């Protein structure tokens, strides 16, 4: 609905010879699968609320910041992350929320459709962690230990190694903030309660364990290759 509304606005603007408003640049991407496609690990109601309401709110709130921060209209969502320290906390929270959730939908796939780690990615994982299972264990521990709300990440650091990190709230490893371990995110897991509470209540470790069946390794492989 929102995408159709924005497209209609763009058409009207073109017909009238008007410039598109800057806030039209940030849009809510559609889910790459049906809301019920990740069941039973993530139920359809959670997916719908998470995508349409939570992610949608981050997009709307980020667009609402453009009037007071017009330089946002010149930045892509990716570029914004690396310059987030220049902007107010509302841009950090909502710009991070938009980026984080966009990657979250992409790095998941229905069970059996996500492929497997490529030989190149697997070699890098084994070099940094010893084995795929060891990486998954360390990742799961970081996700479970993140106090309150936040994210767990598998990243490629500037020196080329892979490591596990976590961030609070809607921060991510692309942000130019001193408290964040920086790197290229390859895989990120949302551990905010809204991501799992309907099915799992306070059983975050159960959610994390079930989530591994949904990882879209084909997308993780792509992100790893692009980081080289």
Protein backbone atom coordinates (compact mmCIF):
# COMPACT_ATOMS: atom_id res chain seq x y z
CA UNK A 1 0.00 0.00 0.00
CA UNK A 2 2.72 2.42 1.01
CA UNK A 3 4.84 1.57 -2.03
CA UNK A 4 1.86 2.09 -4.33
CA UNK A 5 1.12 5.42 -2.67
CA UNK A 6 4.71 6.56 -3.14
CA UNK A 7 4.69 5.43 -6.77
CA UNK A 8 1.50 7.37 -7.37
CA UNK A 9 3.00 10.45 -5.79
CA UNK A 10 6.06 10.12 -8.01
CA UNK A 11 3.87 9.91 -11.12
CA UNK A 12 1.93 13.04 -10.14
CA UNK A 13 5.15 14.90 -9.44
CA UNK A 14 6.57 13.98 -12.84
CA UNK A 15 3.39 15.07 -14.63
CA UNK A 16 3.47 18.42 -12.84
CA UNK A 17 7.16 18.92 -13.44
CA UNK A 18 7.89 18.93 -9.72
CA UNK A 19 10.91 17.53 -7.91
CA UNK A 20 10.20 14.48 -5.83
CA UNK A 21 10.25 15.14 -2.08
CA UNK A 22 13.44 13.85 -0.47
CA UNK A 23 11.59 11.60 1.95
CA UNK A 24 10.37 9.45 -0.94
CA UNK A 25 13.88 7.99 -1.12
CA UNK A 26 13.38 5.85 1.99
CA UNK A 27 10.80 3.15 1.37
CA UNK A 28 9.73 -0.02 3.11
CA UNK A 29 10.97 -3.03 1.11
CA UNK A 30 8.47 -5.86 0.72
CA UNK A 31 9.12 -9.18 2.39
CA UNK A 32 10.89 -11.51 -0.08
CA UNK A 33 8.51 -14.33 0.90
CA UNK A 34 5.00 -14.72 2.27
CA UNK A 35 4.51 -13.83 5.96
CA UNK A 36 3.80 -17.48 6.78
CA UNK A 37 6.78 -18.83 4.83
CA UNK A 38 9.09 -19.03 7.87
CA UNK A 39 6.74 -21.06 10.06
CA UNK A 40 7.05 -22.75 12.47
CA UNK A 41 10.23 -20.92 13.54
CA UNK A 42 8.60 -17.50 13.05
CA UNK A 43 4.82 -17.27 12.80
CA UNK A 44 2.90 -15.22 10.24
CA UNK A 45 1.44 -12.81 12.79
CA UNK A 46 4.86 -11.94 14.17
CA UNK A 47 6.25 -11.45 10.66
CA UNK A 48 3.39 -9.19 9.62
CA UNK A 49 3.55 -7.01 12.73
CA UNK A 50 7.34 -6.92 12.68
CA UNK A 51 7.58 -5.91 9.02
CA UNK A 52 4.53 -3.71 8.52
CA UNK A 53 4.39 -1.93 11.87
CA UNK A 54 7.86 -1.99 13.39
CA UNK A 55 9.99 -1.71 10.25
CA UNK A 56 7.37 0.53 8.69
CA UNK A 57 7.59 2.87 11.66
CA UNK A 58 11.38 3.14 11.35
CA UNK A 59 11.02 4.12 7.68
CA UNK A 60 8.30 6.68 8.41
CA UNK A 61 10.23 8.17 11.32
CA UNK A 62 13.43 8.37 9.29
CA UNK A 63 11.57 10.18 6.53
CA UNK A 64 10.22 12.54 9.18
CA UNK A 65 13.79 13.54 10.03
CA UNK A 66 14.66 14.74 6.52
CA UNK A 67 13.07 18.16 6.85
CA UNK A 68 15.28 19.00 9.82
CA UNK A 69 18.31 17.22 8.34
CA UNK A 70 18.13 17.92 4.59
CA UNK A 71 21.54 16.34 3.95
CA UNK A 72 19.81 12.98 4.48
CA UNK A 73 18.24 13.38 1.05
CA UNK A 74 21.70 13.06 -0.54
CA UNK A 75 22.67 9.85 1.26
CA UNK A 76 21.84 6.26 0.52
CA UNK A 77 20.78 4.11 3.45
CA UNK A 78 24.17 2.36 3.37
CA UNK A 79 26.10 5.63 3.27
CA UNK A 80 24.06 6.99 6.17
CA UNK A 81 25.26 4.24 8.49
CA UNK A 82 28.92 5.22 8.10
CA UNK A 83 28.10 8.87 8.87
CA UNK A 84 25.52 8.32 11.59
CA UNK A 85 27.54 10.22 14.21
CA UNK A 86 26.78 13.46 12.37
CA UNK A 87 23.06 13.18 13.00
CA UNK A 88 20.63 13.34 15.93
CA UNK A 89 19.79 10.21 17.89
CA UNK A 90 16.43 9.91 16.11
CA UNK A 91 18.27 9.43 12.81
CA UNK A 92 20.58 6.90 14.43
CA UNK A 93 17.69 4.89 15.86
CA UNK A 94 15.45 4.97 12.80
CA UNK A 95 18.16 4.85 10.14
CA UNK A 96 19.69 1.90 11.94
CA UNK A 97 16.31 0.25 12.34
CA UNK A 98 15.62 0.59 8.62
CA UNK A 99 19.01 -0.83 7.60
CA UNK A 100 19.00 -3.64 10.15
CA UNK A 101 15.55 -4.90 9.27
CA UNK A 102 16.18 -4.66 5.53
CA UNK A 103 19.13 -7.03 5.94
CA UNK A 104 17.18 -9.23 8.37
CA UNK A 105 14.47 -10.10 5.83
CA UNK A 106 17.14 -10.77 3.20
CA UNK A 107 19.26 -13.16 5.28
CA UNK A 108 16.29 -15.45 5.97
CA UNK A 109 14.55 -17.94 3.69
CA UNK A 110 11.99 -20.70 4.10
CA UNK A 111 13.36 -23.93 5.52
CA UNK A 112 15.30 -25.84 2.85
CA UNK A 113 15.64 -22.85 0.50
CA UNK A 114 18.60 -21.01 1.99
CA UNK A 115 21.41 -23.08 0.51
CA UNK A 116 24.68 -23.66 2.37
CA UNK A 117 27.86 -21.70 3.09
CA UNK A 118 30.01 -21.42 -0.03
CA UNK A 119 33.45 -23.06 0.04
CA UNK A 120 35.01 -19.60 0.31
CA UNK A 121 32.80 -18.52 3.22
CA UNK A 122 33.21 -21.86 4.96
CA UNK A 123 36.99 -21.57 4.70
CA UNK A 124 36.87 -18.10 6.24
CA UNK A 125 34.60 -19.32 9.05
CA UNK A 126 36.91 -22.23 9.79
CA UNK A 127 39.95 -19.96 9.77
CA UNK A 128 38.35 -17.61 12.31
CA UNK A 129 36.32 -20.00 14.49
CA UNK A 130 37.56 -23.52 13.83
CA UNK A 131 34.27 -24.81 12.44
CA UNK A 132 30.82 -23.74 11.31
CA UNK A 133 29.32 -25.23 14.47
CA UNK A 134 31.75 -23.27 16.64
CA UNK A 135 30.77 -20.04 14.88
CA UNK A 136 27.07 -20.78 15.34
CA UNK A 137 27.62 -21.51 19.04
CA UNK A 138 29.51 -18.26 19.58
CA UNK A 139 26.90 -16.32 17.60
CA UNK A 140 24.05 -17.86 19.59
CA UNK A 141 25.78 -17.05 22.86
CA UNK A 142 26.24 -13.41 21.82
CA UNK A 143 22.57 -13.18 20.81
CA UNK A 144 21.36 -14.71 24.06
CA UNK A 145 23.66 -12.54 26.18
CA UNK A 146 22.67 -9.21 24.59
CA UNK A 147 20.97 -7.42 27.49
CA UNK A 148 17.63 -5.85 26.63
CA UNK A 149 17.10 -5.13 22.94
CA UNK A 150 19.61 -5.40 20.14
CA UNK A 151 21.26 -7.52 17.47
CA UNK A 152 23.90 -10.23 17.07
CA UNK A 153 26.20 -10.08 14.04
CA UNK A 154 28.68 -12.09 12.03
CA UNK A 155 30.97 -9.50 10.47
CA UNK A 156 34.08 -9.25 8.32
CA UNK A 157 36.47 -6.87 10.04
CA UNK A 158 38.71 -4.35 8.22
CA UNK A 159 41.67 -6.77 8.58
CA UNK A 160 39.72 -9.47 6.73
CA UNK A 161 38.93 -11.76 9.66
CA UNK A 162 35.44 -12.88 10.63
CA UNK A 163 34.17 -12.20 14.14
CA UNK A 164 31.00 -12.16 16.22
CA UNK A 165 29.74 -8.99 17.82
CA UNK A 166 26.48 -7.56 19.15
CA UNK A 167 24.95 -4.10 19.27
CA UNK A 168 22.32 -2.41 21.41
CA UNK A 169 19.01 -1.10 20.17
CA UNK A 170 19.20 -0.42 16.40
CA UNK A 171 22.95 0.13 16.14
CA UNK A 172 24.96 -1.91 13.64
CA UNK A 173 28.63 -2.53 12.79
CA UNK A 174 28.59 -0.09 9.87
CA UNK A 175 28.09 2.89 12.18
CA UNK A 176 30.96 5.28 12.86
CA UNK A 177 30.53 5.18 16.63
CA UNK A 178 33.40 4.54 19.08
CA UNK A 179 31.48 1.99 21.15
CA UNK A 180 30.79 -0.26 18.14
CA UNK A 181 33.07 -2.94 16.71
CA UNK A 182 33.07 -2.00 13.06
CA UNK A 183 32.98 -4.31 10.09
CA UNK A 184 30.86 -5.49 7.19
CA UNK A 185 27.75 -7.33 8.42
CA UNK A 186 27.31 -10.72 6.80
CA UNK A 187 24.52 -12.02 9.04
CA UNK A 188 22.43 -10.22 11.65
CA UNK A 189 19.81 -11.54 14.07
CA UNK A 190 17.15 -9.35 15.71
CA UNK A 191 16.78 -10.16 19.42
CA UNK A 192 14.29 -7.45 20.27
CA UNK A 193 11.31 -9.08 21.98
CA UNK A 194 8.95 -8.00 19.20
CA UNK A 195 10.86 -10.39 16.91
CA UNK A 196 9.86 -13.49 18.86
CA UNK A 197 7.65 -12.86 21.89
CA UNK A 198 4.32 -14.13 20.53
CA UNK A 199 5.75 -17.62 20.05
CA UNK A 200 8.58 -17.80 22.53
CA UNK A 201 7.74 -15.32 25.34
CA UNK A 202 10.95 -15.04 27.40
CA UNK A 203 12.60 -18.09 25.80
CA UNK A 204 15.04 -16.20 23.61
CA UNK A 205 17.50 -19.14 23.32
CA UNK A 206 14.71 -21.28 21.78
CA UNK A 207 14.05 -18.57 19.20
CA UNK A 208 17.75 -18.34 18.37
CA UNK A 209 18.04 -22.11 17.98
CA UNK A 210 15.00 -22.28 15.66
CA UNK A 211 16.24 -19.32 13.62
CA UNK A 212 19.30 -21.15 12.32
CA UNK A 213 17.02 -23.26 10.10
CA UNK A 214 15.99 -20.05 8.34
CA UNK A 215 19.39 -18.62 7.47
CA UNK A 216 19.67 -17.72 3.80
CA UNK A 217 23.26 -18.79 3.22
CA UNK A 218 23.00 -17.81 -0.43
CA UNK A 219 22.56 -14.19 0.68
CA UNK A 220 25.30 -14.48 3.29
CA UNK A 221 27.60 -15.86 0.58
CA UNK A 222 26.76 -12.88 -1.61
CA UNK A 223 27.51 -10.42 1.17
CA UNK A 224 30.79 -12.15 1.94
CA UNK A 225 31.88 -12.07 -1.72
CA UNK A 226 30.96 -8.40 -1.98
CA UNK A 227 33.11 -7.61 1.08
CA UNK A 228 36.30 -9.03 -0.46
